[in-house]
C-alpha atoms as a PDB file:
ATOM      1  CA  MET A   1      -2.097   3.820   3.333  1.00  0.00           C
ATOM      2  CA  LYS A   2       1.781   2.658   2.777  1.00  0.00           C
ATOM      3  CA  ALA A   3       1.880   0.757  -0.623  1.00  0.00           C
ATOM      4  CA  VAL A   4       3.441  -2.673  -0.087  1.00  0.00           C
ATOM      5  CA  THR A   5       6.531  -3.321  -1.762  1.00  0.00           C
ATOM      6  CA  LYS A   6       6.597  -7.417  -0.794  1.00  0.00           C
ATOM      7  CA  VAL A   7       5.335  -9.825  -0.813  1.00  0.00           C
ATOM      8  CA  ARG A   8       4.838 -10.448   3.126  1.00  0.00           C
ATOM      9  CA  GLY A   9       3.768 -14.164   4.916  1.00  0.00           C
ATOM     10  CA  LYS A  10       4.988 -17.449   3.200  1.00  0.00           C
ATOM     11  CA  ARG A  11       3.200 -18.629  -0.373  1.00  0.00           C
ATOM     12  CA  THR A  12       2.371 -22.031  -0.670  1.00  0.00           C
ATOM     13  CA  ALA A  13       3.058 -23.620  -4.240  1.00  0.00           C
ATOM     14  CA  ILE A  14      -0.252 -24.691  -6.171  1.00  0.00           C
ATOM     15  CA  ASP A  15       0.184 -27.711  -8.544  1.00  0.00           C
ATOM     16  CA  ALA A  16      -1.172 -26.178 -11.744  1.00  0.00           C
ATOM     17  CA  ALA A  17      -1.816 -29.799 -13.520  1.00  0.00           C
ATOM     18  CA  ASP A  18      -4.766 -30.071 -11.280  1.00  0.00           C
ATOM     19  CA  LEU A  19      -6.272 -26.876 -12.352  1.00  0.00           C
ATOM     20  CA  ASN A  20      -8.113 -25.925 -15.839  1.00  0.00           C
ATOM     21  CA  LEU A  21      -6.146 -23.079 -16.774  1.00  0.00           C
ATOM     22  CA  GLU A  22      -7.536 -20.196 -19.466  1.00  0.00           C
ATOM     23  CA  GLU A  23      -3.764 -18.287 -20.554  1.00  0.00           C
ATOM     24  CA  LYS A  24      -4.503 -14.494 -21.794  1.00  0.00           C
ATOM     25  CA  LEU A  25      -1.901 -12.961 -24.101  1.00  0.00           C
ATOM     26  CA  LEU A  26      -1.121  -9.502 -22.231  1.00  0.00           C
ATOM     27  CA  GLY A  27       1.399  -8.608 -25.330  1.00  0.00           C
ATOM     28  CA  ILE A  28       3.939  -9.326 -27.288  1.00  0.00           C
ATOM     29  CA  ASP A  29       6.952  -6.521 -27.950  1.00  0.00           C
ATOM     30  CA  ARG A  30      10.228  -6.547 -30.272  1.00  0.00           C
ATOM     31  CA  VAL A  31      13.297  -6.243 -28.007  1.00  0.00           C
ATOM     32  CA  THR A  32      16.673  -5.645 -29.698  1.00  0.00           C
ATOM     33  CA  LYS A  33      19.940  -6.196 -28.151  1.00  0.00           C
ATOM     34  CA  VAL A  34      23.252  -4.464 -30.649  1.00  0.00           C
ATOM     35  CA  VAL A  35      25.825  -6.696 -30.236  1.00  0.00           C
ATOM     36  CA  LYS A  36      29.363  -6.488 -32.655  1.00  0.00           C
ATOM     37  CA  GLY A  37      27.677  -8.230 -35.792  1.00  0.00           C
ATOM     38  CA  GLY A  38      24.564  -6.177 -35.776  1.00  0.00           C
ATOM     39  CA  ARG A  39      20.976  -6.028 -34.162  1.00  0.00           C
ATOM     40  CA  HIS A  40      20.132  -9.408 -32.070  1.00  0.00           C
ATOM     41  CA  LEU A  41      16.006  -9.232 -32.939  1.00  0.00           C
ATOM     42  CA  ARG A  42      13.437 -10.996 -30.302  1.00  0.00           C
ATOM     43  CA  PHE A  43      10.417 -11.385 -29.312  1.00  0.00           C
ATOM     44  CA  ARG A  44       8.994 -10.709 -25.590  1.00  0.00           C
ATOM     45  CA  ALA A  45       5.523 -12.690 -24.440  1.00  0.00           C
ATOM     46  CA  LEU A  46       3.661 -11.703 -21.520  1.00  0.00           C
ATOM     47  CA  VAL A  47       0.930 -14.259 -20.327  1.00  0.00           C
ATOM     48  CA  VAL A  48      -1.361 -14.484 -17.704  1.00  0.00           C
ATOM     49  CA  VAL A  49      -3.187 -17.582 -16.273  1.00  0.00           C
ATOM     50  CA  GLY A  50      -5.892 -18.326 -14.645  1.00  0.00           C
ATOM     51  CA  ASP A  51      -8.752 -20.550 -13.567  1.00  0.00           C
ATOM     52  CA  GLY A  52     -11.086 -18.146 -12.560  1.00  0.00           C
ATOM     53  CA  GLN A  53     -11.147 -20.001  -9.231  1.00  0.00           C
ATOM     54  CA  GLY A  54      -9.329 -17.578  -7.170  1.00  0.00           C
ATOM     55  CA  HIS A  55      -5.404 -19.033  -8.797  1.00  0.00           C
ATOM     56  CA  VAL A  56      -3.877 -16.442 -11.084  1.00  0.00           C
ATOM     57  CA  GLY A  57      -0.129 -16.493 -12.640  1.00  0.00           C
ATOM     58  CA  PHE A  58       1.491 -14.599 -14.852  1.00  0.00           C
ATOM     59  CA  GLY A  59       4.946 -14.751 -16.813  1.00  0.00           C
ATOM     60  CA  SER A  60       7.325 -13.008 -19.095  1.00  0.00           C
ATOM     61  CA  ALA A  61       9.498 -14.901 -21.852  1.00  0.00           C
ATOM     62  CA  LYS A  62      11.791 -14.185 -24.938  1.00  0.00           C
ATOM     63  CA  ALA A  63      12.455 -16.073 -27.763  1.00  0.00           C
ATOM     64  CA  SER A  64      13.468 -15.675 -31.469  1.00  0.00           C
ATOM     65  CA  ALA A  65      10.057 -16.959 -32.491  1.00  0.00           C
ATOM     66  CA  VAL A  66       6.511 -15.220 -31.378  1.00  0.00           C
ATOM     67  CA  PRO A  67       4.924 -18.975 -30.883  1.00  0.00           C
ATOM     68  CA  GLU A  68       8.111 -19.757 -28.326  1.00  0.00           C
ATOM     69  CA  ALA A  69       7.378 -16.940 -26.467  1.00  0.00           C
ATOM     70  CA  VAL A  70       4.091 -17.333 -25.699  1.00  0.00           C
ATOM     71  CA  ARG A  71       5.306 -21.029 -24.346  1.00  0.00           C
ATOM     72  CA  LYS A  72       7.577 -20.237 -22.346  1.00  0.00           C
ATOM     73  CA  ALA A  73       5.920 -17.010 -20.767  1.00  0.00           C
ATOM     74  CA  GLY A  74       2.760 -19.779 -20.127  1.00  0.00           C
ATOM     75  CA  ALA A  75       5.173 -21.940 -18.844  1.00  0.00           C
ATOM     76  CA  MET A  76       6.705 -19.854 -16.321  1.00  0.00           C
ATOM     77  CA  ALA A  77       2.691 -18.575 -15.427  1.00  0.00           C
ATOM     78  CA  ARG A  78       1.980 -21.534 -13.910  1.00  0.00           C
ATOM     79  CA  LYS A  79       5.216 -21.872 -12.064  1.00  0.00           C
ATOM     80  CA  GLY A  80       4.403 -18.282 -10.329  1.00  0.00           C
ATOM     81  CA  MET A  81       0.968 -19.038  -9.579  1.00  0.00           C
ATOM     82  CA  LEU A  82      -0.541 -17.703  -5.921  1.00  0.00           C
ATOM     83  CA  GLU A  83      -4.282 -18.184  -4.572  1.00  0.00           C
ATOM     84  CA  VAL A  84      -6.534 -14.861  -4.129  1.00  0.00           C
ATOM     85  CA  PRO A  85      -8.643 -14.260  -1.407  1.00  0.00           C
ATOM     86  CA  ILE A  86     -12.185 -13.881  -3.224  1.00  0.00           C
ATOM     87  CA  LYS A  87     -15.219 -12.898  -0.666  1.00  0.00           C
ATOM     88  CA  GLY A  88     -18.527 -12.180  -2.318  1.00  0.00           C
ATOM     89  CA  GLY A  89     -16.867 -12.004  -5.827  1.00  0.00           C
ATOM     90  CA  THR A  90     -14.354  -9.193  -5.005  1.00  0.00           C
ATOM     91  CA  ILE A  91     -11.321  -8.756  -2.468  1.00  0.00           C
ATOM     92  CA  PRO A  92     -12.029  -8.760   1.108  1.00  0.00           C
ATOM     93  CA  HIS A  93      -9.931  -5.239   1.610  1.00  0.00           C
ATOM     94  CA  GLU A  94      -8.156  -2.365   0.301  1.00  0.00           C
ATOM     95  CA  ILE A  95      -5.046  -2.651  -0.868  1.00  0.00           C
ATOM     96  CA  LEU A  96      -1.722  -0.211  -2.434  1.00  0.00           C
ATOM     97  CA  ALA A  97       1.253  -1.783  -3.958  1.00  0.00           C
ATOM     98  CA  LYS A  98       3.804  -0.487  -5.626  1.00  0.00           C
ATOM     99  CA  PHE A  99       6.100  -2.316  -8.431  1.00  0.00           C
ATOM    100  CA  GLY A 100       8.910  -0.163  -9.588  1.00  0.00           C
ATOM    101  CA  ALA A 101       7.705   2.993 -10.996  1.00  0.00           C
ATOM    102  CA  SER A 102       3.766   1.494 -10.988  1.00  0.00           C
ATOM    103  CA  LYS A 103       1.093   1.499  -7.816  1.00  0.00           C
ATOM    104  CA  ILE A 104      -2.605  -0.125  -8.173  1.00  0.00           C
ATOM    105  CA  LEU A 105      -4.962   0.632  -5.933  1.00  0.00           C
ATOM    106  CA  LEU A 106      -7.991  -2.421  -6.072  1.00  0.00           C
ATOM    107  CA  LYS A 107     -11.243  -1.202  -3.446  1.00  0.00           C
ATOM    108  CA  PRO A 108     -13.636  -4.050  -2.817  1.00  0.00           C
ATOM    109  CA  ALA A 109     -16.923  -3.653  -4.920  1.00  0.00           C
ATOM    110  CA  ALA A 110     -20.783  -3.644  -4.131  1.00  0.00           C
ATOM    111  CA  PRO A 111     -21.822  -6.971  -6.649  1.00  0.00           C
ATOM    112  CA  GLY A 112     -22.589  -5.615  -9.906  1.00  0.00           C
ATOM    113  CA  THR A 113     -20.205  -3.015 -10.306  1.00  0.00           C
ATOM    114  CA  GLY A 114     -17.728  -4.845 -12.478  1.00  0.00           C
ATOM    115  CA  LEU A 115     -14.410  -4.419 -12.763  1.00  0.00           C
ATOM    116  CA  ILE A 116     -13.791  -0.948 -13.027  1.00  0.00           C
ATOM    117  CA  VAL A 117      -9.615  -0.717 -13.475  1.00  0.00           C
ATOM    118  CA  ASN A 118      -7.282  -0.576 -16.609  1.00  0.00           C
ATOM    119  CA  ASN A 119      -7.163  -3.538 -19.354  1.00  0.00           C
ATOM    120  CA  THR A 120      -4.152  -5.188 -18.311  1.00  0.00           C
ATOM    121  CA  THR A 121      -5.552  -5.167 -14.865  1.00  0.00           C
ATOM    122  CA  ARG A 122      -8.518  -6.150 -15.675  1.00  0.00           C
ATOM    123  CA  ALA A 123      -7.615  -9.428 -17.512  1.00  0.00           C
ATOM    124  CA  LEU A 124      -5.963 -10.776 -14.237  1.00  0.00           C
ATOM    125  CA  LEU A 125      -8.746 -10.063 -12.075  1.00  0.00           C
ATOM    126  CA  GLU A 126     -10.913 -11.754 -14.551  1.00  0.00           C
ATOM    127  CA  LEU A 127      -8.939 -14.827 -14.738  1.00  0.00           C
ATOM    128  CA  ALA A 128      -8.749 -15.267 -11.187  1.00  0.00           C
ATOM    129  CA  GLY A 129     -11.946 -14.729 -10.809  1.00  0.00           C
ATOM    130  CA  ILE A 130     -12.840 -11.925  -9.334  1.00  0.00           C
ATOM    131  CA  LYS A 131     -15.901 -10.175 -10.863  1.00  0.00           C
ATOM    132  CA  ASP A 132     -16.760  -6.552  -8.681  1.00  0.00           C
ATOM    133  CA  VAL A 133     -13.308  -4.287  -8.036  1.00  0.00           C
ATOM    134  CA  LEU A 134     -12.721  -0.789  -8.294  1.00  0.00           C
ATOM    135  CA  GLY A 135      -9.217   0.382  -9.163  1.00  0.00           C
ATOM    136  CA  LYS A 136      -6.739   2.865 -10.035  1.00  0.00           C
ATOM    137  CA  SER A 137      -3.360   2.653 -11.124  1.00  0.00           C
ATOM    138  CA  PHE A 138      -0.580   5.369 -10.411  1.00  0.00           C
ATOM    139  CA  GLY A 139       2.461   6.092 -12.108  1.00  0.00           C
ATOM    140  CA  GLY A 140       3.923   3.945 -14.943  1.00  0.00           C
ATOM    141  CA  ALA A 141       1.888   2.502 -17.245  1.00  0.00           C
ATOM    142  CA  SER A 142       4.757  -0.541 -18.143  1.00  0.00           C
ATOM    143  CA  LYS A 143       2.404  -3.318 -18.843  1.00  0.00           C
ATOM    144  CA  ILE A 144       5.121  -5.823 -16.610  1.00  0.00           C
ATOM    145  CA  ASN A 145       5.551  -3.551 -14.160  1.00  0.00           C
ATOM    146  CA  VAL A 146       1.372  -3.101 -13.750  1.00  0.00           C
ATOM    147  CA  VAL A 147       0.963  -6.894 -13.894  1.00  0.00           C
ATOM    148  CA  LYS A 148       3.669  -7.332 -11.380  1.00  0.00           C
ATOM    149  CA  ALA A 149       2.239  -5.020  -8.726  1.00  0.00           C
ATOM    150  CA  THR A 150      -1.551  -6.325  -9.578  1.00  0.00           C
ATOM    151  CA  MET A 151      -0.028  -9.338  -8.552  1.00  0.00           C
ATOM    152  CA  LEU A 152       2.216  -8.214  -5.627  1.00  0.00           C
ATOM    153  CA  ALA A 153      -1.569  -6.476  -4.511  1.00  0.00           C
ATOM    154  CA  LEU A 154      -3.375 -10.248  -4.730  1.00  0.00           C
ATOM    155  CA  ALA A 155      -0.865 -11.439  -2.783  1.00  0.00           C
ATOM    156  CA  ASN A 156      -0.921  -9.395   0.079  1.00  0.00           C
ATOM    157  CA  LEU A 157      -5.070 -10.134   0.482  1.00  0.00           C
ATOM    158  CA  LYS A 158      -5.877 -11.413   3.900  1.00  0.00           C
ATOM    159  CA  GLN A 159      -9.069 -13.643   4.260  1.00  0.00           C
ATOM    160  CA  THR A 160     -10.727 -11.225   6.670  1.00  0.00           C
ATOM    161  CA  GLU A 161     -10.605  -7.259   7.250  1.00  0.00           C
ATOM    162  CA  LYS A 162      -9.567  -8.268  10.823  1.00  0.00           C
ATOM    163  CA  ALA A 163      -6.168  -9.683   9.553  1.00  0.00           C
ATOM    164  CA  ALA A 164      -5.878  -7.065   7.139  1.00  0.00           C
ATOM    165  CA  ILE A 165      -6.630  -4.394   9.982  1.00  0.00           C
ATOM    166  CA  GLN A 166      -3.856  -6.904  11.631  1.00  0.00           C
ATOM    167  CA  THR A 167      -1.240  -6.726   9.094  1.00  0.00           C
ATOM    168  CA  ASP A 168      -1.234  -2.912   8.912  1.00  0.00           C
ATOM    169  CA  VAL A 169      -0.627  -2.252  12.877  1.00  0.00           C
ATOM    170  CA  GLU A 170       2.311  -5.151  12.799  1.00  0.00           C
ATOM    171  CA  ALA A 171       3.694  -3.216   9.717  1.00  0.00           C
ATOM    172  CA  GLN A 172       3.764   0.151  12.081  1.00  0.00           C
ATOM    173  CA  GLU A 173       5.281  -1.670  14.943  1.00  0.00           C
ATOM    174  CA  GLU A 174       8.227  -2.725  12.115  1.00  0.00           C
ATOM    175  CA  GLU A 175       8.565   1.094  11.095  1.00  0.00           C
ATOM    176  CA  VAL A 176       8.676   2.556  14.649  1.00  0.00           C
ATOM    177  CA  ASP A 177      11.430  -0.463  15.173  1.00  0.00           C
ATOM    178  CA  GLU A 178      13.842   0.663  12.284  1.00  0.00           C
ATOM    179  CA  THR A 179      13.491   4.002  13.366  1.00  0.00           C
ATOM    180  CA  GLU A 180      14.665   3.693  16.903  1.00  0.00           C
END
């Protein structure tokens, strides 16, 4: 299986004002920039929002104070939300996505299995409303890259397995066209 590296198809914009969103802070990092006058200290926050009904988004923002960084990251997460197809509490098909050095493999699981993935991906899937998934993270362990790879995987999920097979066939045809 080839890793997905970009969103295929069109994404519809989701209005976050209509949703009852829950917010989860994944991490706060202290970042510095060395300038002529010394070090410029800032804070970077990584936030995930979701309603548990198939809508999820993430945001990362920097500010000179932690509360401001969290607020800005939450606003960015609400702007970049996407709808995730959920089939019986799990995902409709297996998917492998790559962002930067991080790869994430997500597989559908039987009811009652739970979320068997790393902590970063678990937070994202819980807020999306997915209950049962088997997953494995490969490569880089950067939280931001893992979240982006997971969001890429969720954005490329199709409603049914037939649609997923059709997408794989189209991708193979594209590869053949590029090599000619």
